[in-house]
Amino acid sequence: MHTNGRVAVSIALLCIGGALTVNLAAQERLPPIPPEKMTDAQKKAVVEYKEVRKIDLAPGPFAVLLRVPDLVVPSMEIRLHNQKNSALSPKLTELAILIAARQYTNNYEWNAHNGVAVQAGLDPAIVAAIAVGSRPEHMSEEEAVLYDFCDELNRHQSVSDGTYARALAKFGEAGVVEATALEGYYAYLGMVMSVARTALPAGAKPALQAFPNR
């Protein structure tokens, strides 16, 4: 086969693969459970969720977790901690969340947090760079230290002594644990939603594309 022919075949296969991915992603495996089909334990978890968070349990990761009712409220309480009592600033917390969302191509969390990150003070150029898998330029020192820590943790499931020392000096032990927990928590939600093929809210478009080697 001529080179042009091989290229054409490769492009066609990529297009077919992309179409299959889009079609599969549209088939939500674990959609929200209708109230009339919930077990007593699930109804109890929904009530407890609303009592703690002051909002109804909506479509998203917690609606998936409702299949195991005991996971709903403890998982949600970690989210509330991240919002209200993190050892990291809101801007750095959102940066860590976006790094984890990008790592797992988690469009649901990206959609929920990229605007919040900018409102918290993160430069939109940094958000845009993370979206395409690039190390952002022109980060502040604390942003760069956190980015390198979280990125290395995601890539290697550990961090080097140098990376750890820089994070420890900048954020203290509580900040190091907080950053690690944020990556772990959003990896957890990302995996749950990837398996469930959780749909984006109506009208939202996926901003993240899968990395080429995945």
N, C-alpha and C. Protein backbone atom coordinates (compact mmCIF):
# COMPACT_ATOMS: atom_id res chain seq x y z
N MET A 1 0.85 -1.20 0.00
CA MET A 1 0.00 0.00 0.00
C MET A 1 0.88 1.24 0.00
N HIS A 2 0.54 2.23 -0.83
CA HIS A 2 1.30 3.47 -0.87
C HIS A 2 1.16 4.21 0.45
N THR A 3 2.13 5.11 0.69
CA THR A 3 2.12 5.87 1.94
C THR A 3 0.82 6.64 2.11
N ASN A 4 0.36 7.28 1.03
CA ASN A 4 -0.89 8.05 1.12
C ASN A 4 -2.07 7.16 1.49
N GLY A 5 -2.04 5.93 0.97
CA GLY A 5 -3.12 5.01 1.28
C GLY A 5 -3.11 4.61 2.74
N ARG A 6 -1.89 4.37 3.29
CA ARG A 6 -1.79 4.00 4.70
C ARG A 6 -2.25 5.14 5.59
N VAL A 7 -1.89 6.37 5.23
CA VAL A 7 -2.31 7.54 6.00
C VAL A 7 -3.82 7.65 6.00
N ALA A 8 -4.42 7.45 4.80
CA ALA A 8 -5.88 7.57 4.70
C ALA A 8 -6.57 6.53 5.57
N VAL A 9 -6.03 5.27 5.54
CA VAL A 9 -6.62 4.21 6.36
C VAL A 9 -6.49 4.55 7.85
N SER A 10 -5.30 5.08 8.24
CA SER A 10 -5.09 5.43 9.65
C SER A 10 -6.06 6.50 10.11
N ILE A 11 -6.24 7.52 9.26
CA ILE A 11 -7.17 8.60 9.60
C ILE A 11 -8.58 8.07 9.72
N ALA A 12 -8.97 7.18 8.80
CA ALA A 12 -10.32 6.62 8.85
C ALA A 12 -10.54 5.82 10.13
N LEU A 13 -9.51 5.03 10.53
CA LEU A 13 -9.64 4.25 11.75
C LEU A 13 -9.74 5.14 12.98
N LEU A 14 -8.95 6.23 12.98
CA LEU A 14 -9.02 7.16 14.09
C LEU A 14 -10.41 7.79 14.18
N CYS A 15 -10.96 8.14 13.02
CA CYS A 15 -12.30 8.75 13.01
C CYS A 15 -13.35 7.77 13.53
N ILE A 16 -13.23 6.49 13.11
CA ILE A 16 -14.17 5.48 13.57
C ILE A 16 -14.04 5.31 15.07
N GLY A 17 -12.78 5.22 15.54
CA GLY A 17 -12.55 5.07 16.97
C GLY A 17 -13.10 6.24 17.74
N GLY A 18 -12.92 7.47 17.21
CA GLY A 18 -13.45 8.65 17.88
C GLY A 18 -14.95 8.63 17.93
N ALA A 19 -15.57 8.20 16.83
CA ALA A 19 -17.03 8.14 16.80
C ALA A 19 -17.55 7.12 17.81
N LEU A 20 -16.83 5.97 17.92
CA LEU A 20 -17.26 4.97 18.89
C LEU A 20 -17.14 5.50 20.31
N THR A 21 -16.03 6.24 20.56
CA THR A 21 -15.84 6.81 21.89
C THR A 21 -16.96 7.76 22.24
N VAL A 22 -17.32 8.64 21.29
CA VAL A 22 -18.40 9.59 21.53
C VAL A 22 -19.70 8.88 21.80
N ASN A 23 -19.99 7.84 20.99
CA ASN A 23 -21.24 7.13 21.15
C ASN A 23 -21.30 6.41 22.49
N LEU A 24 -20.15 5.78 22.87
CA LEU A 24 -20.14 5.07 24.14
C LEU A 24 -20.29 6.03 25.31
N ALA A 25 -19.63 7.19 25.19
CA ALA A 25 -19.69 8.16 26.28
C ALA A 25 -21.11 8.66 26.49
N ALA A 26 -21.91 8.62 25.41
CA ALA A 26 -23.28 9.12 25.52
C ALA A 26 -24.19 8.14 26.25
N GLN A 27 -23.75 6.90 26.42
CA GLN A 27 -24.58 5.88 27.04
C GLN A 27 -24.27 5.81 28.54
N GLU A 28 -25.01 6.57 29.30
CA GLU A 28 -24.77 6.64 30.74
C GLU A 28 -25.11 5.31 31.39
N ARG A 29 -24.16 4.73 32.08
CA ARG A 29 -24.35 3.40 32.66
C ARG A 29 -25.11 3.44 33.98
N LEU A 30 -24.85 4.45 34.77
CA LEU A 30 -25.44 4.53 36.12
C LEU A 30 -26.11 5.89 36.29
N PRO A 31 -27.22 6.09 35.62
CA PRO A 31 -27.92 7.38 35.73
C PRO A 31 -28.56 7.56 37.09
N PRO A 32 -29.03 8.76 37.41
CA PRO A 32 -29.72 8.97 38.68
C PRO A 32 -30.86 7.98 38.88
N ILE A 33 -31.03 7.54 40.11
CA ILE A 33 -32.07 6.57 40.44
C ILE A 33 -33.38 7.31 40.69
N PRO A 34 -34.46 6.98 40.00
CA PRO A 34 -35.74 7.63 40.30
C PRO A 34 -36.15 7.38 41.75
N PRO A 35 -36.74 8.36 42.41
CA PRO A 35 -37.11 8.20 43.83
C PRO A 35 -37.96 6.96 44.10
N GLU A 36 -38.85 6.64 43.16
CA GLU A 36 -39.74 5.50 43.39
C GLU A 36 -39.01 4.16 43.32
N LYS A 37 -37.77 4.17 42.81
CA LYS A 37 -37.00 2.93 42.70
C LYS A 37 -35.90 2.84 43.76
N MET A 38 -35.79 3.85 44.61
CA MET A 38 -34.75 3.83 45.65
C MET A 38 -35.12 2.88 46.77
N THR A 39 -34.09 2.26 47.34
CA THR A 39 -34.29 1.46 48.56
C THR A 39 -34.43 2.40 49.75
N ASP A 40 -34.83 1.85 50.88
CA ASP A 40 -34.93 2.67 52.09
C ASP A 40 -33.57 3.28 52.45
N ALA A 41 -32.50 2.50 52.28
CA ALA A 41 -31.16 3.01 52.60
C ALA A 41 -30.78 4.16 51.67
N GLN A 42 -31.15 4.05 50.40
CA GLN A 42 -30.85 5.12 49.46
C GLN A 42 -31.64 6.37 49.78
N LYS A 43 -32.92 6.21 50.13
CA LYS A 43 -33.74 7.38 50.51
C LYS A 43 -33.17 8.06 51.74
N LYS A 44 -32.69 7.27 52.68
CA LYS A 44 -32.10 7.83 53.90
C LYS A 44 -30.83 8.62 53.56
N ALA A 45 -30.02 8.08 52.67
CA ALA A 45 -28.79 8.78 52.26
C ALA A 45 -29.11 10.10 51.57
N VAL A 46 -30.16 10.11 50.76
CA VAL A 46 -30.58 11.34 50.07
C VAL A 46 -31.01 12.40 51.09
N VAL A 47 -31.76 11.99 52.09
CA VAL A 47 -32.21 12.92 53.13
C VAL A 47 -31.01 13.46 53.91
N GLU A 48 -30.09 12.59 54.28
CA GLU A 48 -28.91 13.00 55.05
C GLU A 48 -28.02 13.94 54.24
N TYR A 49 -27.90 13.65 52.95
CA TYR A 49 -27.12 14.52 52.07
C TYR A 49 -27.69 15.94 52.09
N LYS A 50 -29.00 16.04 51.95
CA LYS A 50 -29.64 17.36 51.94
C LYS A 50 -29.51 18.06 53.29
N GLU A 51 -29.59 17.31 54.35
CA GLU A 51 -29.46 17.91 55.69
C GLU A 51 -28.08 18.52 55.89
N VAL A 52 -27.06 17.86 55.37
CA VAL A 52 -25.69 18.33 55.57
C VAL A 52 -25.31 19.41 54.56
N ARG A 53 -25.67 19.21 53.30
CA ARG A 53 -25.21 20.13 52.25
C ARG A 53 -26.22 21.24 51.95
N LYS A 54 -27.46 21.09 52.40
CA LYS A 54 -28.51 22.09 52.21
C LYS A 54 -28.97 22.22 50.76
N ILE A 55 -28.67 21.23 49.94
CA ILE A 55 -29.18 21.18 48.57
C ILE A 55 -29.58 19.73 48.27
N ASP A 56 -30.42 19.56 47.25
CA ASP A 56 -30.82 18.21 46.86
C ASP A 56 -29.66 17.48 46.21
N LEU A 57 -29.68 16.17 46.32
CA LEU A 57 -28.69 15.34 45.64
C LEU A 57 -29.02 15.34 44.15
N ALA A 58 -28.16 15.95 43.36
CA ALA A 58 -28.40 16.14 41.93
C ALA A 58 -27.60 15.12 41.12
N PRO A 59 -27.87 15.01 39.82
CA PRO A 59 -27.06 14.13 38.97
C PRO A 59 -25.58 14.49 39.09
N GLY A 60 -24.73 13.48 39.05
CA GLY A 60 -23.31 13.69 39.22
C GLY A 60 -22.70 12.55 40.01
N PRO A 61 -21.54 12.76 40.61
CA PRO A 61 -20.85 11.65 41.27
C PRO A 61 -21.61 11.07 42.45
N PHE A 62 -22.31 11.92 43.21
CA PHE A 62 -23.01 11.40 44.38
C PHE A 62 -24.24 10.59 44.00
N ALA A 63 -24.83 10.91 42.86
CA ALA A 63 -25.95 10.10 42.35
C ALA A 63 -25.46 8.71 41.95
N VAL A 64 -24.22 8.63 41.46
CA VAL A 64 -23.64 7.32 41.15
C VAL A 64 -23.34 6.56 42.44
N LEU A 65 -22.71 7.27 43.40
CA LEU A 65 -22.35 6.64 44.67
C LEU A 65 -23.56 6.15 45.45
N LEU A 66 -24.73 6.64 45.11
CA LEU A 66 -25.95 6.24 45.83
C LEU A 66 -26.20 4.73 45.72
N ARG A 67 -25.56 4.08 44.75
CA ARG A 67 -25.66 2.61 44.69
C ARG A 67 -25.08 1.97 45.94
N VAL A 68 -24.18 2.67 46.61
CA VAL A 68 -23.64 2.23 47.90
C VAL A 68 -23.96 3.35 48.89
N PRO A 69 -25.13 3.36 49.48
CA PRO A 69 -25.59 4.53 50.23
C PRO A 69 -24.63 5.02 51.31
N ASP A 70 -23.92 4.10 51.95
CA ASP A 70 -23.01 4.50 53.03
C ASP A 70 -21.84 5.37 52.54
N LEU A 71 -21.60 5.39 51.23
CA LEU A 71 -20.50 6.20 50.69
C LEU A 71 -20.91 7.65 50.45
N VAL A 72 -22.19 7.93 50.35
CA VAL A 72 -22.63 9.24 49.88
C VAL A 72 -22.23 10.36 50.82
N VAL A 73 -22.67 10.31 52.05
CA VAL A 73 -22.41 11.42 52.98
C VAL A 73 -20.93 11.55 53.33
N PRO A 74 -20.20 10.46 53.64
CA PRO A 74 -18.77 10.63 53.90
C PRO A 74 -18.01 11.24 52.71
N SER A 75 -18.36 10.83 51.50
CA SER A 75 -17.71 11.39 50.32
C SER A 75 -18.04 12.87 50.16
N MET A 76 -19.28 13.23 50.41
CA MET A 76 -19.70 14.62 50.30
C MET A 76 -19.04 15.49 51.37
N GLU A 77 -18.82 14.94 52.56
CA GLU A 77 -18.19 15.72 53.62
C GLU A 77 -16.75 16.09 53.28
N ILE A 78 -16.06 15.24 52.53
CA ILE A 78 -14.72 15.60 52.05
C ILE A 78 -14.82 16.80 51.12
N ARG A 79 -15.83 16.80 50.27
CA ARG A 79 -16.04 17.94 49.37
C ARG A 79 -16.28 19.22 50.16
N LEU A 80 -17.08 19.14 51.19
CA LEU A 80 -17.34 20.33 52.01
C LEU A 80 -16.08 20.81 52.71
N HIS A 81 -15.25 19.89 53.16
CA HIS A 81 -13.97 20.28 53.75
C HIS A 81 -13.13 21.05 52.74
N ASN A 82 -13.07 20.54 51.51
CA ASN A 82 -12.28 21.21 50.47
C ASN A 82 -12.76 22.63 50.24
N GLN A 83 -14.07 22.82 50.32
CA GLN A 83 -14.65 24.15 50.09
C GLN A 83 -14.43 25.10 51.25
N LYS A 84 -14.50 24.58 52.49
CA LYS A 84 -14.61 25.48 53.64
C LYS A 84 -13.42 25.46 54.59
N ASN A 85 -12.62 24.41 54.58
CA ASN A 85 -11.62 24.27 55.65
C ASN A 85 -10.30 23.72 55.16
N SER A 86 -9.98 23.93 53.89
CA SER A 86 -8.74 23.39 53.34
C SER A 86 -7.53 24.11 53.90
N ALA A 87 -6.43 23.38 54.06
CA ALA A 87 -5.16 24.00 54.46
C ALA A 87 -4.56 24.81 53.32
N LEU A 88 -5.06 24.64 52.12
CA LEU A 88 -4.62 25.42 50.96
C LEU A 88 -5.65 26.51 50.67
N SER A 89 -5.22 27.57 50.03
CA SER A 89 -6.13 28.66 49.65
C SER A 89 -7.14 28.16 48.63
N PRO A 90 -8.28 28.84 48.48
CA PRO A 90 -9.25 28.44 47.46
C PRO A 90 -8.63 28.36 46.06
N LYS A 91 -7.76 29.29 45.72
CA LYS A 91 -7.13 29.26 44.39
C LYS A 91 -6.29 28.01 44.21
N LEU A 92 -5.49 27.67 45.21
CA LEU A 92 -4.64 26.49 45.10
C LEU A 92 -5.46 25.21 45.16
N THR A 93 -6.51 25.22 45.96
CA THR A 93 -7.40 24.05 46.00
C THR A 93 -8.00 23.79 44.62
N GLU A 94 -8.47 24.85 43.97
CA GLU A 94 -9.05 24.68 42.63
C GLU A 94 -7.99 24.26 41.60
N LEU A 95 -6.78 24.77 41.75
CA LEU A 95 -5.70 24.34 40.85
C LEU A 95 -5.46 22.85 40.98
N ALA A 96 -5.39 22.36 42.21
CA ALA A 96 -5.19 20.93 42.43
C ALA A 96 -6.34 20.11 41.85
N ILE A 97 -7.56 20.60 41.99
CA ILE A 97 -8.72 19.89 41.44
C ILE A 97 -8.64 19.81 39.92
N LEU A 98 -8.26 20.92 39.27
CA LEU A 98 -8.15 20.91 37.81
C LEU A 98 -7.06 19.95 37.34
N ILE A 99 -5.96 19.87 38.08
CA ILE A 99 -4.88 18.95 37.70
C ILE A 99 -5.39 17.51 37.74
N ALA A 100 -6.14 17.17 38.79
CA ALA A 100 -6.70 15.82 38.89
C ALA A 100 -7.74 15.58 37.81
N ALA A 101 -8.59 16.56 37.55
CA ALA A 101 -9.62 16.40 36.51
C ALA A 101 -8.97 16.17 35.15
N ARG A 102 -7.90 16.89 34.87
CA ARG A 102 -7.19 16.70 33.59
C ARG A 102 -6.54 15.33 33.53
N GLN A 103 -5.96 14.88 34.63
CA GLN A 103 -5.31 13.58 34.66
C GLN A 103 -6.27 12.47 34.28
N TYR A 104 -7.52 12.58 34.73
CA TYR A 104 -8.51 11.52 34.49
C TYR A 104 -9.51 11.90 33.40
N THR A 105 -9.20 12.96 32.64
CA THR A 105 -10.10 13.44 31.60
C THR A 105 -11.53 13.49 32.13
N ASN A 106 -11.68 14.10 33.30
CA ASN A 106 -12.95 14.14 34.01
C ASN A 106 -13.67 15.44 33.63
N ASN A 107 -14.43 15.38 32.56
CA ASN A 107 -15.10 16.58 32.07
C ASN A 107 -16.16 17.10 33.03
N TYR A 108 -16.77 16.22 33.81
CA TYR A 108 -17.79 16.68 34.75
C TYR A 108 -17.16 17.60 35.79
N GLU A 109 -16.08 17.17 36.41
CA GLU A 109 -15.43 18.00 37.41
C GLU A 109 -14.78 19.23 36.78
N TRP A 110 -14.23 19.07 35.59
CA TRP A 110 -13.64 20.24 34.91
C TRP A 110 -14.72 21.30 34.66
N ASN A 111 -15.86 20.86 34.18
CA ASN A 111 -16.96 21.78 33.92
C ASN A 111 -17.41 22.47 35.20
N ALA A 112 -17.38 21.75 36.31
CA ALA A 112 -17.82 22.32 37.59
C ALA A 112 -16.81 23.26 38.20
N HIS A 113 -15.52 23.09 37.86
CA HIS A 113 -14.49 23.81 38.61
C HIS A 113 -13.66 24.81 37.81
N ASN A 114 -13.64 24.76 36.48
CA ASN A 114 -12.73 25.68 35.79
C ASN A 114 -13.15 27.14 35.98
N GLY A 115 -14.45 27.41 35.96
CA GLY A 115 -14.91 28.77 36.20
C GLY A 115 -14.69 29.20 37.65
N VAL A 116 -14.88 28.27 38.58
CA VAL A 116 -14.66 28.56 39.99
C VAL A 116 -13.18 28.88 40.24
N ALA A 117 -12.30 28.17 39.53
CA ALA A 117 -10.86 28.41 39.68
C ALA A 117 -10.49 29.82 39.25
N VAL A 118 -11.06 30.28 38.15
CA VAL A 118 -10.78 31.64 37.68
C VAL A 118 -11.34 32.66 38.67
N GLN A 119 -12.53 32.40 39.19
CA GLN A 119 -13.12 33.30 40.19
C GLN A 119 -12.27 33.36 41.45
N ALA A 120 -11.58 32.26 41.76
CA ALA A 120 -10.73 32.21 42.94
C ALA A 120 -9.38 32.88 42.70
N GLY A 121 -9.12 33.31 41.46
CA GLY A 121 -7.89 34.04 41.18
C GLY A 121 -6.90 33.34 40.28
N LEU A 122 -7.22 32.16 39.79
CA LEU A 122 -6.31 31.45 38.90
C LEU A 122 -6.37 32.06 37.51
N ASP A 123 -5.21 32.32 36.93
CA ASP A 123 -5.12 32.92 35.60
C ASP A 123 -5.77 32.00 34.57
N PRO A 124 -6.68 32.51 33.72
CA PRO A 124 -7.29 31.66 32.69
C PRO A 124 -6.26 31.00 31.78
N ALA A 125 -5.10 31.62 31.59
CA ALA A 125 -4.06 31.00 30.76
C ALA A 125 -3.52 29.73 31.41
N ILE A 126 -3.48 29.71 32.73
CA ILE A 126 -3.05 28.51 33.43
C ILE A 126 -4.09 27.41 33.24
N VAL A 127 -5.36 27.77 33.36
CA VAL A 127 -6.44 26.80 33.15
C VAL A 127 -6.37 26.23 31.73
N ALA A 128 -6.16 27.09 30.76
CA ALA A 128 -6.10 26.65 29.36
C ALA A 128 -4.93 25.71 29.12
N ALA A 129 -3.80 25.98 29.73
CA ALA A 129 -2.63 25.11 29.54
C ALA A 129 -2.88 23.73 30.15
N ILE A 130 -3.46 23.69 31.35
CA ILE A 130 -3.75 22.41 31.98
C ILE A 130 -4.73 21.61 31.12
N ALA A 131 -5.69 22.29 30.52
CA ALA A 131 -6.70 21.60 29.70
C ALA A 131 -6.09 20.81 28.56
N VAL A 132 -4.99 21.31 28.00
CA VAL A 132 -4.35 20.60 26.87
C VAL A 132 -3.18 19.75 27.33
N GLY A 133 -2.98 19.64 28.64
CA GLY A 133 -1.94 18.76 29.16
C GLY A 133 -0.56 19.37 29.20
N SER A 134 -0.45 20.70 29.17
CA SER A 134 0.84 21.38 29.19
C SER A 134 1.13 21.96 30.56
N ARG A 135 2.41 22.08 30.89
CA ARG A 135 2.78 22.77 32.13
C ARG A 135 2.59 24.26 31.90
N PRO A 136 1.77 24.92 32.69
CA PRO A 136 1.51 26.35 32.46
C PRO A 136 2.76 27.20 32.63
N GLU A 137 2.83 28.28 31.88
CA GLU A 137 3.90 29.27 32.04
C GLU A 137 3.41 30.37 32.98
N HIS A 138 4.37 31.13 33.48
CA HIS A 138 4.08 32.34 34.27
C HIS A 138 3.24 32.05 35.52
N MET A 139 3.49 30.91 36.15
CA MET A 139 2.84 30.61 37.42
C MET A 139 3.57 31.34 38.54
N SER A 140 2.84 31.65 39.61
CA SER A 140 3.50 32.14 40.81
C SER A 140 4.31 31.00 41.43
N GLU A 141 5.16 31.34 42.39
CA GLU A 141 5.99 30.30 43.01
C GLU A 141 5.12 29.23 43.66
N GLU A 142 4.10 29.64 44.40
CA GLU A 142 3.27 28.65 45.08
C GLU A 142 2.46 27.82 44.09
N GLU A 143 2.01 28.43 43.00
CA GLU A 143 1.30 27.67 41.97
C GLU A 143 2.22 26.65 41.34
N ALA A 144 3.46 27.04 41.04
CA ALA A 144 4.41 26.13 40.40
C ALA A 144 4.77 24.97 41.32
N VAL A 145 4.97 25.26 42.62
CA VAL A 145 5.29 24.20 43.57
C VAL A 145 4.14 23.20 43.66
N LEU A 146 2.92 23.71 43.75
CA LEU A 146 1.77 22.83 43.85
C LEU A 146 1.57 22.05 42.56
N TYR A 147 1.70 22.72 41.42
CA TYR A 147 1.53 22.04 40.14
C TYR A 147 2.52 20.88 40.03
N ASP A 148 3.80 21.15 40.31
CA ASP A 148 4.82 20.11 40.17
C ASP A 148 4.56 18.95 41.12
N PHE A 149 4.12 19.26 42.33
CA PHE A 149 3.82 18.20 43.30
C PHE A 149 2.68 17.32 42.80
N CYS A 150 1.58 17.94 42.41
CA CYS A 150 0.41 17.17 41.98
C CYS A 150 0.66 16.43 40.67
N ASP A 151 1.33 17.08 39.75
CA ASP A 151 1.61 16.45 38.46
C ASP A 151 2.52 15.23 38.63
N GLU A 152 3.55 15.39 39.45
CA GLU A 152 4.46 14.26 39.68
C GLU A 152 3.75 13.13 40.40
N LEU A 153 2.92 13.46 41.37
CA LEU A 153 2.16 12.44 42.09
C LEU A 153 1.26 11.65 41.15
N ASN A 154 0.59 12.35 40.25
CA ASN A 154 -0.29 11.67 39.30
C ASN A 154 0.48 10.82 38.30
N ARG A 155 1.60 11.32 37.85
CA ARG A 155 2.37 10.60 36.83
C ARG A 155 3.10 9.39 37.38
N HIS A 156 3.60 9.51 38.61
CA HIS A 156 4.49 8.47 39.15
C HIS A 156 3.95 7.80 40.42
N GLN A 157 2.79 8.23 40.90
CA GLN A 157 2.20 7.70 42.12
C GLN A 157 3.12 7.88 43.32
N SER A 158 4.00 8.86 43.24
CA SER A 158 4.90 9.22 44.33
C SER A 158 5.53 10.55 43.97
N VAL A 159 6.27 11.14 44.91
CA VAL A 159 7.01 12.37 44.60
C VAL A 159 8.45 12.22 45.08
N SER A 160 9.35 12.87 44.38
CA SER A 160 10.76 12.81 44.73
C SER A 160 11.03 13.61 46.00
N ASP A 161 12.20 13.39 46.58
CA ASP A 161 12.56 14.12 47.79
C ASP A 161 12.59 15.63 47.54
N GLY A 162 13.10 16.03 46.38
CA GLY A 162 13.18 17.46 46.08
C GLY A 162 11.80 18.10 45.95
N THR A 163 10.91 17.42 45.25
CA THR A 163 9.55 17.93 45.08
C THR A 163 8.83 17.99 46.42
N TYR A 164 9.02 16.96 47.24
CA TYR A 164 8.40 16.94 48.57
C TYR A 164 8.94 18.08 49.42
N ALA A 165 10.25 18.28 49.40
CA ALA A 165 10.86 19.32 50.23
C ALA A 165 10.35 20.71 49.85
N ARG A 166 10.19 20.96 48.55
CA ARG A 166 9.69 22.27 48.11
C ARG A 166 8.25 22.47 48.56
N ALA A 167 7.42 21.43 48.44
CA ALA A 167 6.03 21.54 48.88
C ALA A 167 5.95 21.71 50.39
N LEU A 168 6.78 20.99 51.12
CA LEU A 168 6.77 21.08 52.58
C LEU A 168 7.18 22.49 53.03
N ALA A 169 8.20 23.05 52.38
CA ALA A 169 8.66 24.39 52.75
C ALA A 169 7.60 25.44 52.44
N LYS A 170 6.86 25.24 51.40
CA LYS A 170 5.87 26.24 50.97
C LYS A 170 4.54 26.09 51.71
N PHE A 171 4.10 24.85 51.95
CA PHE A 171 2.74 24.63 52.46
C PHE A 171 2.68 23.96 53.83
N GLY A 172 3.80 23.46 54.34
CA GLY A 172 3.78 22.75 55.60
C GLY A 172 3.22 21.34 55.46
N GLU A 173 3.27 20.59 56.53
CA GLU A 173 2.80 19.21 56.48
C GLU A 173 1.31 19.12 56.14
N ALA A 174 0.51 20.02 56.74
CA ALA A 174 -0.93 20.00 56.45
C ALA A 174 -1.19 20.26 54.98
N GLY A 175 -0.46 21.19 54.38
CA GLY A 175 -0.65 21.49 52.96
C GLY A 175 -0.25 20.34 52.07
N VAL A 176 0.82 19.64 52.43
CA VAL A 176 1.25 18.47 51.65
C VAL A 176 0.18 17.39 51.70
N VAL A 177 -0.34 17.13 52.89
CA VAL A 177 -1.40 16.12 53.01
C VAL A 177 -2.65 16.57 52.26
N GLU A 178 -2.96 17.85 52.36
CA GLU A 178 -4.15 18.38 51.67
C GLU A 178 -4.02 18.20 50.16
N ALA A 179 -2.88 18.56 49.60
CA ALA A 179 -2.67 18.42 48.16
C ALA A 179 -2.78 16.96 47.73
N THR A 180 -2.18 16.07 48.51
CA THR A 180 -2.24 14.65 48.19
C THR A 180 -3.68 14.14 48.26
N ALA A 181 -4.40 14.56 49.30
CA ALA A 181 -5.79 14.13 49.46
C ALA A 181 -6.67 14.65 48.33
N LEU A 182 -6.41 15.88 47.88
CA LEU A 182 -7.20 16.43 46.76
C LEU A 182 -7.01 15.59 45.50
N GLU A 183 -5.77 15.23 45.20
CA GLU A 183 -5.55 14.40 44.01
C GLU A 183 -6.22 13.03 44.17
N GLY A 184 -6.12 12.46 45.36
CA GLY A 184 -6.75 11.17 45.59
C GLY A 184 -8.26 11.23 45.53
N TYR A 185 -8.84 12.27 46.12
CA TYR A 185 -10.30 12.40 46.15
C TYR A 185 -10.87 12.59 44.75
N TYR A 186 -10.23 13.46 43.97
CA TYR A 186 -10.76 13.69 42.62
C TYR A 186 -10.40 12.58 41.64
N ALA A 187 -9.36 11.82 41.96
CA ALA A 187 -9.12 10.58 41.20
C ALA A 187 -10.26 9.60 41.47
N TYR A 188 -10.65 9.50 42.72
CA TYR A 188 -11.77 8.64 43.14
C TYR A 188 -13.05 9.02 42.41
N LEU A 189 -13.40 10.30 42.45
CA LEU A 189 -14.61 10.74 41.75
C LEU A 189 -14.48 10.55 40.24
N GLY A 190 -13.29 10.83 39.71
CA GLY A 190 -13.08 10.66 38.27
C GLY A 190 -13.26 9.22 37.84
N MET A 191 -12.72 8.30 38.61
CA MET A 191 -12.87 6.88 38.27
C MET A 191 -14.33 6.45 38.36
N VAL A 192 -15.01 6.89 39.43
CA VAL A 192 -16.42 6.55 39.58
C VAL A 192 -17.23 7.03 38.38
N MET A 193 -16.99 8.28 37.97
CA MET A 193 -17.77 8.83 36.86
C MET A 193 -17.34 8.27 35.51
N SER A 194 -16.07 7.90 35.38
CA SER A 194 -15.63 7.27 34.13
C SER A 194 -16.32 5.93 33.92
N VAL A 195 -16.37 5.15 34.99
CA VAL A 195 -17.05 3.85 34.90
C VAL A 195 -18.54 4.04 34.64
N ALA A 196 -19.13 5.04 35.31
CA ALA A 196 -20.57 5.29 35.17
C ALA A 196 -20.92 6.00 33.87
N ARG A 197 -19.89 6.58 33.20
CA ARG A 197 -20.13 7.43 32.04
C ARG A 197 -21.13 8.53 32.38
N THR A 198 -20.86 9.19 33.49
CA THR A 198 -21.75 10.24 33.98
C THR A 198 -21.87 11.36 32.96
N ALA A 199 -23.10 11.72 32.63
CA ALA A 199 -23.35 12.74 31.63
C ALA A 199 -23.07 14.14 32.18
N LEU A 200 -22.62 15.02 31.30
CA LEU A 200 -22.47 16.43 31.67
C LEU A 200 -23.84 17.07 31.85
N PRO A 201 -23.92 18.15 32.60
CA PRO A 201 -25.20 18.87 32.69
C PRO A 201 -25.69 19.30 31.31
N ALA A 202 -26.96 19.45 31.16
CA ALA A 202 -27.55 19.84 29.87
C ALA A 202 -26.91 21.12 29.36
N GLY A 203 -26.50 21.10 28.10
CA GLY A 203 -25.92 22.28 27.47
C GLY A 203 -24.42 22.40 27.61
N ALA A 204 -23.81 21.63 28.52
CA ALA A 204 -22.36 21.69 28.70
C ALA A 204 -21.66 20.83 27.66
N LYS A 205 -20.51 21.29 27.20
CA LYS A 205 -19.73 20.54 26.21
C LYS A 205 -18.42 20.09 26.84
N PRO A 206 -17.94 18.89 26.48
CA PRO A 206 -16.68 18.42 27.07
C PRO A 206 -15.51 19.28 26.62
N ALA A 207 -14.76 19.81 27.56
CA ALA A 207 -13.62 20.67 27.24
C ALA A 207 -12.33 19.88 27.12
N LEU A 208 -12.28 18.69 27.71
CA LEU A 208 -11.06 17.89 27.73
C LEU A 208 -11.14 16.74 26.74
N GLN A 209 -10.06 16.53 26.03
CA GLN A 209 -9.94 15.39 25.14
C GLN A 209 -8.99 14.38 25.79
N ALA A 210 -9.23 13.10 25.55
CA ALA A 210 -8.35 12.08 26.10
C ALA A 210 -6.94 12.27 25.59
N PHE A 211 -5.95 12.00 26.43
CA PHE A 211 -4.56 12.07 26.00
C PHE A 211 -4.32 11.02 24.91
N PRO A 212 -3.46 11.31 23.93
CA PRO A 212 -3.28 10.40 22.78
C PRO A 212 -2.87 8.99 23.16
N ASN A 213 -2.12 8.83 24.27
CA ASN A 213 -1.62 7.51 24.63
C ASN A 213 -2.56 6.74 25.54
N ARG A 214 -3.83 7.19 25.63
CA ARG A 214 -4.77 6.52 26.54
C ARG A 214 -5.95 5.97 25.76
